Amino acid sequence: MTKKGLSLEMKVGERLLLDSGRIAIILEQKTGQRARIRVEAEPSVKIGSPRPNGATERGAMR
């Protein structure tokens, strides 16, 4: 399976739309090296919790 990726800079309040707008990622706050994002999605979309680099995806979805 080929994965797609995107790297971009965002300002607080900007949103990134995915999957024809079904998923929105909003940058709510940026302080130093930490950022607060909000993910908005239809109820059918699974959203995973953050995990350390190298951790498996198993058990990370809610």
Protein backbone atom coordinates (compact mmCIF):
# COMPACT_ATOMS: atom_id res chain seq x y z
CA MET A 1 0.00 0.00 0.00
CA THR A 2 1.32 3.44 -0.91
CA LYS A 3 0.89 6.16 1.69
CA LYS A 4 0.34 9.82 0.93
CA GLY A 5 1.84 12.57 3.06
CA LEU A 6 1.73 16.32 3.41
CA SER A 7 3.90 18.74 5.34
CA LEU A 8 2.72 22.31 5.76
CA GLU A 9 2.83 25.33 8.03
CA MET A 10 -0.40 26.56 9.55
CA LYS A 11 -1.48 29.62 11.50
CA VAL A 12 -3.74 29.43 14.55
CA GLY A 13 -7.36 29.19 13.38
CA GLU A 14 -6.53 27.63 10.01
CA ARG A 15 -8.02 24.29 9.04
CA LEU A 16 -6.86 21.46 6.82
CA LEU A 17 -9.64 19.53 5.07
CA LEU A 18 -9.22 15.85 4.19
CA ASP A 19 -11.30 13.31 2.31
CA SER A 20 -13.41 15.90 0.45
CA GLY A 21 -14.10 17.78 3.68
CA ARG A 22 -15.24 14.77 5.76
CA ILE A 23 -12.32 15.41 8.12
CA ALA A 24 -11.06 18.80 9.32
CA ILE A 25 -7.88 19.40 11.33
CA ILE A 26 -7.86 22.80 13.04
CA LEU A 27 -4.83 24.41 14.68
CA GLU A 28 -6.27 25.88 17.88
CA GLN A 29 -3.16 26.99 19.76
CA LYS A 30 0.62 27.09 19.30
CA THR A 31 3.03 27.70 22.17
CA GLY A 32 6.74 26.96 21.85
CA GLN A 33 7.16 23.41 20.58
CA ARG A 34 3.60 22.30 21.40
CA ALA A 35 0.45 22.72 19.35
CA ARG A 36 -3.19 22.04 20.15
CA ILE A 37 -5.17 20.66 17.24
CA ARG A 38 -8.82 19.67 16.97
CA VAL A 39 -10.05 16.94 14.64
CA GLU A 40 -13.63 17.21 13.41
CA ALA A 41 -15.09 14.27 11.52
CA GLU A 42 -18.29 12.42 10.77
CA PRO A 43 -19.23 9.86 13.44
CA SER A 44 -18.27 6.99 11.11
CA VAL A 45 -14.62 8.14 11.00
CA LYS A 46 -12.30 6.44 13.51
CA ILE A 47 -9.91 8.82 15.28
CA GLY A 48 -6.76 7.44 16.90
CA SER A 49 -5.01 8.69 20.01
CA PRO A 50 -1.47 10.11 19.82
CA ARG A 51 1.26 7.55 20.51
CA PRO A 52 5.06 7.67 20.82
CA ASN A 53 7.14 7.28 17.66
CA GLY A 54 7.72 3.62 16.87
CA ALA A 55 4.59 2.40 18.66
CA THR A 56 2.29 0.08 16.77
CA GLU A 57 -1.17 1.10 15.60
CA ARG A 58 -2.74 -1.77 17.51
CA GLY A 59 -5.07 -0.45 20.18
CA ALA A 60 -4.56 3.18 19.19
CA MET A 61 -7.96 3.66 17.54
CA ARG A 62 -11.04 4.70 19.46
